[in-house]
Amino acid sequence: MADPLLTTTQLGRLLQSARRAQGLTQAAVGARLGLSQKRISAIELDPGTLTAAQLLKLCAVLGLELTLGWRQAPSPAKAEW
Protein backbone atom coordinates (compact mmCIF):
# COMPACT_ATOMS: atom_id res chain seq x y z
CA MET A 1 0.00 0.00 0.00
CA ALA A 2 1.29 3.44 -0.92
CA ASP A 3 1.75 6.18 1.61
CA PRO A 4 -1.02 8.80 1.52
CA LEU A 5 -0.30 12.18 -0.01
CA LEU A 6 -1.05 14.92 2.49
CA THR A 7 0.42 17.99 0.80
CA THR A 8 0.72 19.45 -2.67
CA THR A 9 4.50 19.35 -2.25
CA GLN A 10 4.33 15.58 -1.90
CA LEU A 11 2.14 15.38 -5.00
CA GLY A 12 4.62 17.44 -7.01
CA ARG A 13 7.50 15.20 -5.94
CA LEU A 14 5.50 12.09 -6.83
CA LEU A 15 4.65 13.45 -10.29
CA GLN A 16 8.28 14.35 -10.93
CA SER A 17 9.51 10.98 -9.68
CA ALA A 18 6.99 9.09 -11.82
CA ARG A 19 7.95 11.11 -14.89
CA ARG A 20 11.63 10.39 -14.36
CA ALA A 21 10.95 6.69 -13.70
CA GLN A 22 9.22 6.53 -17.09
CA GLY A 23 12.28 8.15 -18.66
CA LEU A 24 10.22 11.12 -19.83
CA THR A 25 11.26 14.74 -20.04
CA GLN A 26 8.92 17.53 -19.07
CA ALA A 27 8.69 18.41 -22.75
CA ALA A 28 7.65 14.85 -23.68
CA VAL A 29 4.92 14.78 -21.02
CA GLY A 30 3.75 18.21 -22.11
CA ALA A 31 3.55 17.09 -25.73
CA ARG A 32 1.37 14.11 -24.76
CA LEU A 33 -0.96 16.41 -22.84
CA GLY A 34 -0.92 19.38 -25.20
CA LEU A 35 0.91 21.50 -22.63
CA SER A 36 4.23 23.30 -22.69
CA GLN A 37 7.35 22.11 -20.88
CA LYS A 38 7.08 25.27 -18.78
CA ARG A 39 3.56 24.26 -17.65
CA ILE A 40 4.74 20.76 -16.68
CA SER A 41 7.54 22.33 -14.65
CA ALA A 42 5.03 24.62 -12.94
CA ILE A 43 2.77 21.65 -12.16
CA GLU A 44 5.65 19.73 -10.57
CA LEU A 45 6.61 22.77 -8.48
CA ASP A 46 3.04 23.78 -7.55
CA PRO A 47 0.49 21.05 -8.29
CA GLY A 48 -2.12 23.02 -6.36
CA THR A 49 -2.86 24.73 -9.67
CA LEU A 50 -4.02 21.47 -11.30
CA THR A 51 -7.63 20.79 -12.15
CA ALA A 52 -9.00 17.33 -11.41
CA ALA A 53 -9.18 16.63 -15.16
CA GLN A 54 -5.51 17.61 -15.62
CA LEU A 55 -4.46 15.44 -12.69
CA LEU A 56 -6.28 12.41 -14.10
CA LYS A 57 -4.72 12.90 -17.55
CA LEU A 58 -1.28 13.35 -16.02
CA CYS A 59 -1.70 10.18 -13.97
CA ALA A 60 -2.65 8.27 -17.13
CA VAL A 61 0.46 9.51 -18.98
CA LEU A 62 2.74 8.72 -16.04
CA GLY A 63 1.29 5.29 -15.30
CA LEU A 64 -0.10 6.36 -11.95
CA GLU A 65 -3.37 5.29 -10.37
CA LEU A 66 -5.42 7.77 -8.37
CA THR A 67 -7.34 6.15 -5.54
CA LEU A 68 -9.54 7.91 -3.03
CA GLY A 69 -10.75 6.35 0.17
CA TRP A 70 -11.53 6.97 3.78
CA ARG A 71 -8.57 7.28 6.13
CA GLN A 72 -10.72 5.36 8.59
CA ALA A 73 -14.25 4.02 8.44
CA PRO A 74 -16.61 7.01 8.49
CA SER A 75 -19.13 7.36 11.26
CA PRO A 76 -22.75 7.46 10.07
CA ALA A 77 -22.88 11.22 10.79
CA LYS A 78 -19.85 11.88 8.55
CA ALA A 79 -21.18 9.77 5.69
CA GLU A 80 -24.26 11.96 5.30
CA TRP A 81 -24.01 15.19 3.36
C-alpha atoms as a PDB file:
ATOM      1  CA  MET A   1       0.000   0.000   0.000  1.00  0.00           C
ATOM      2  CA  ALA A   2       1.295   3.436  -0.924  1.00  0.00           C
ATOM      3  CA  ASP A   3       1.749   6.184   1.612  1.00  0.00           C
ATOM      4  CA  PRO A   4      -1.016   8.796   1.518  1.00  0.00           C
ATOM      5  CA  LEU A   5      -0.298  12.181  -0.007  1.00  0.00           C
ATOM      6  CA  LEU A   6      -1.050  14.916   2.490  1.00  0.00           C
ATOM      7  CA  THR A   7       0.419  17.993   0.802  1.00  0.00           C
ATOM      8  CA  THR A   8       0.716  19.451  -2.673  1.00  0.00           C
ATOM      9  CA  THR A   9       4.499  19.354  -2.253  1.00  0.00           C
ATOM     10  CA  GLN A  10       4.325  15.577  -1.902  1.00  0.00           C
ATOM     11  CA  LEU A  11       2.137  15.385  -5.003  1.00  0.00           C
ATOM     12  CA  GLY A  12       4.621  17.436  -7.009  1.00  0.00           C
ATOM     13  CA  ARG A  13       7.499  15.201  -5.939  1.00  0.00           C
ATOM     14  CA  LEU A  14       5.504  12.091  -6.835  1.00  0.00           C
ATOM     15  CA  LEU A  15       4.645  13.446 -10.287  1.00  0.00           C
ATOM     16  CA  GLN A  16       8.278  14.354 -10.933  1.00  0.00           C
ATOM     17  CA  SER A  17       9.511  10.976  -9.685  1.00  0.00           C
ATOM     18  CA  ALA A  18       6.986   9.086 -11.820  1.00  0.00           C
ATOM     19  CA  ARG A  19       7.951  11.113 -14.895  1.00  0.00           C
ATOM     20  CA  ARG A  20      11.631  10.392 -14.365  1.00  0.00           C
ATOM     21  CA  ALA A  21      10.948   6.694 -13.696  1.00  0.00           C
ATOM     22  CA  GLN A  22       9.217   6.531 -17.090  1.00  0.00           C
ATOM     23  CA  GLY A  23      12.283   8.150 -18.665  1.00  0.00           C
ATOM     24  CA  LEU A  24      10.220  11.120 -19.828  1.00  0.00           C
ATOM     25  CA  THR A  25      11.257  14.741 -20.043  1.00  0.00           C
ATOM     26  CA  GLN A  26       8.919  17.533 -19.072  1.00  0.00           C
ATOM     27  CA  ALA A  27       8.685  18.412 -22.751  1.00  0.00           C
ATOM     28  CA  ALA A  28       7.654  14.852 -23.677  1.00  0.00           C
ATOM     29  CA  VAL A  29       4.920  14.781 -21.016  1.00  0.00           C
ATOM     30  CA  GLY A  30       3.754  18.208 -22.110  1.00  0.00           C
ATOM     31  CA  ALA A  31       3.553  17.087 -25.735  1.00  0.00           C
ATOM     32  CA  ARG A  32       1.366  14.112 -24.759  1.00  0.00           C
ATOM     33  CA  LEU A  33      -0.963  16.411 -22.841  1.00  0.00           C
ATOM     34  CA  GLY A  34      -0.916  19.382 -25.202  1.00  0.00           C
ATOM     35  CA  LEU A  35       0.910  21.498 -22.627  1.00  0.00           C
ATOM     36  CA  SER A  36       4.234  23.304 -22.690  1.00  0.00           C
ATOM     37  CA  GLN A  37       7.350  22.115 -20.882  1.00  0.00           C
ATOM     38  CA  LYS A  38       7.079  25.269 -18.782  1.00  0.00           C
ATOM     39  CA  ARG A  39       3.564  24.261 -17.647  1.00  0.00           C
ATOM     40  CA  ILE A  40       4.738  20.764 -16.677  1.00  0.00           C
ATOM     41  CA  SER A  41       7.541  22.333 -14.651  1.00  0.00           C
ATOM     42  CA  ALA A  42       5.031  24.621 -12.941  1.00  0.00           C
ATOM     43  CA  ILE A  43       2.774  21.653 -12.156  1.00  0.00           C
ATOM     44  CA  GLU A  44       5.646  19.730 -10.573  1.00  0.00           C
ATOM     45  CA  LEU A  45       6.612  22.769  -8.478  1.00  0.00           C
ATOM     46  CA  ASP A  46       3.044  23.783  -7.548  1.00  0.00           C
ATOM     47  CA  PRO A  47       0.488  21.054  -8.293  1.00  0.00           C
ATOM     48  CA  GLY A  48      -2.115  23.019  -6.364  1.00  0.00           C
ATOM     49  CA  THR A  49      -2.861  24.731  -9.673  1.00  0.00           C
ATOM     50  CA  LEU A  50      -4.020  21.472 -11.296  1.00  0.00           C
ATOM     51  CA  THR A  51      -7.626  20.791 -12.154  1.00  0.00           C
ATOM     52  CA  ALA A  52      -9.002  17.331 -11.413  1.00  0.00           C
ATOM     53  CA  ALA A  53      -9.182  16.634 -15.159  1.00  0.00           C
ATOM     54  CA  GLN A  54      -5.514  17.607 -15.624  1.00  0.00           C
ATOM     55  CA  LEU A  55      -4.460  15.439 -12.694  1.00  0.00           C
ATOM     56  CA  LEU A  56      -6.278  12.412 -14.098  1.00  0.00           C
ATOM     57  CA  LYS A  57      -4.722  12.902 -17.551  1.00  0.00           C
ATOM     58  CA  LEU A  58      -1.281  13.355 -16.023  1.00  0.00           C
ATOM     59  CA  CYS A  59      -1.704  10.181 -13.968  1.00  0.00           C
ATOM     60  CA  ALA A  60      -2.646   8.267 -17.128  1.00  0.00           C
ATOM     61  CA  VAL A  61       0.461   9.507 -18.983  1.00  0.00           C
ATOM     62  CA  LEU A  62       2.740   8.721 -16.040  1.00  0.00           C
ATOM     63  CA  GLY A  63       1.286   5.295 -15.297  1.00  0.00           C
ATOM     64  CA  LEU A  64      -0.103   6.362 -11.946  1.00  0.00           C
ATOM     65  CA  GLU A  65      -3.374   5.293 -10.370  1.00  0.00           C
ATOM     66  CA  LEU A  66      -5.424   7.770  -8.374  1.00  0.00           C
ATOM     67  CA  THR A  67      -7.343   6.147  -5.538  1.00  0.00           C
ATOM     68  CA  LEU A  68      -9.543   7.914  -3.026  1.00  0.00           C
ATOM     69  CA  GLY A  69     -10.751   6.353   0.172  1.00  0.00           C
ATOM     70  CA  TRP A  70     -11.530   6.973   3.775  1.00  0.00           C
ATOM     71  CA  ARG A  71      -8.574   7.277   6.135  1.00  0.00           C
ATOM     72  CA  GLN A  72     -10.717   5.360   8.590  1.00  0.00           C
ATOM     73  CA  ALA A  73     -14.249   4.018   8.440  1.00  0.00           C
ATOM     74  CA  PRO A  74     -16.605   7.006   8.491  1.00  0.00           C
ATOM     75  CA  SER A  75     -19.135   7.363  11.259  1.00  0.00           C
ATOM     76  CA  PRO A  76     -22.751   7.464  10.074  1.00  0.00           C
ATOM     77  CA  ALA A  77     -22.884  11.219  10.789  1.00  0.00           C
ATOM     78  CA  LYS A  78     -19.848  11.875   8.553  1.00  0.00           C
ATOM     79  CA  ALA A  79     -21.175   9.765   5.686  1.00  0.00           C
ATOM     80  CA  GLU A  80     -24.257  11.957   5.295  1.00  0.00           C
ATOM     81  CA  TRP A  81     -24.008  15.195   3.358  1.00  0.00           C
END
